Amino acid sequence: MDEPLDETIRRNAQGPSSVSIDGNSATAQALREQIEADRYLASKQAARSKRLGLRITKIVPPGAH
């Protein structure tokens, strides 16, 4: 299942939390747990990013001391 996590959360939020058909039942993860998982994965992705944001440096030409 290669569906993005935000789509899975959206689909699960619109559907029932549990279903029972012909004696078989299924229960979805709690919406709060899905949102926490999404936040955790987003924070891991942000931490993996090597961007340092805006870097300010002072350039001193040689001989300008």
Protein backbone atom coordinates (compact mmCIF):
# COMPACT_ATOMS: atom_id res chain seq x y z
CA MET A 1 0.00 0.00 0.00
CA ASP A 2 1.94 3.01 -1.24
CA GLU A 3 -0.72 5.54 -0.36
CA PRO A 4 0.59 8.72 1.30
CA LEU A 5 -0.04 8.85 5.03
CA ASP A 6 -2.11 12.05 4.84
CA GLU A 7 -4.47 10.37 2.33
CA THR A 8 -4.78 7.35 4.62
CA ILE A 9 -5.63 9.57 7.58
CA ARG A 10 -8.19 11.51 5.52
CA ARG A 11 -9.84 8.29 4.29
CA ASN A 12 -9.91 6.75 7.79
CA ALA A 13 -11.37 9.92 9.30
CA GLN A 14 -14.28 9.77 6.85
CA GLY A 15 -14.98 6.07 7.43
CA PRO A 16 -16.21 4.11 10.44
CA SER A 17 -13.84 3.20 13.26
CA SER A 18 -14.89 -0.46 13.17
CA VAL A 19 -16.68 -2.76 10.72
CA SER A 20 -18.16 -6.23 11.02
CA ILE A 21 -19.16 -8.30 7.98
CA ASP A 22 -20.19 -11.98 8.07
CA GLY A 23 -18.55 -12.55 11.43
CA ASN A 24 -15.29 -10.84 10.46
CA SER A 25 -14.48 -7.54 12.10
CA ALA A 26 -11.86 -4.89 11.59
CA THR A 27 -10.95 -1.84 13.65
CA ALA A 28 -9.01 1.17 12.39
CA GLN A 29 -6.25 2.82 14.39
CA ALA A 30 -7.40 5.77 16.46
CA LEU A 31 -7.30 9.04 14.52
CA ARG A 32 -5.13 10.63 17.22
CA GLU A 33 -2.50 7.88 16.80
CA GLN A 34 -2.51 8.34 13.03
CA ILE A 35 -1.97 12.09 13.38
CA GLU A 36 0.87 11.51 15.86
CA ALA A 37 2.47 9.07 13.43
CA ASP A 38 2.21 11.63 10.63
CA ARG A 39 3.85 14.30 12.81
CA TYR A 40 6.62 11.88 13.81
CA LEU A 41 7.37 10.94 10.21
CA ALA A 42 7.32 14.60 9.15
CA SER A 43 9.79 15.50 11.90
CA LYS A 44 12.09 12.64 10.84
CA GLN A 45 11.96 13.88 7.25
CA ALA A 46 12.77 17.43 8.36
CA ALA A 47 15.69 16.22 10.48
CA ARG A 48 17.08 14.28 7.51
CA SER A 49 17.18 17.42 5.40
CA LYS A 50 20.72 18.77 5.17
CA ARG A 51 19.64 22.34 4.53
CA LEU A 52 20.95 24.80 7.05
CA GLY A 53 18.64 27.62 6.15
CA LEU A 54 20.08 31.10 5.75
CA ARG A 55 23.80 31.31 6.38
CA ILE A 56 25.40 34.71 6.98
CA THR A 57 29.14 35.00 6.58
CA LYS A 58 31.56 37.87 6.63
CA ILE A 59 33.85 38.04 3.62
CA VAL A 60 37.16 39.75 4.21
CA PRO A 61 39.28 40.36 1.12
CA PRO A 62 43.00 39.67 1.52
CA GLY A 63 45.12 42.68 2.48
CA ALA A 64 42.21 44.66 3.98
CA HIS A 65 43.34 44.24 7.58
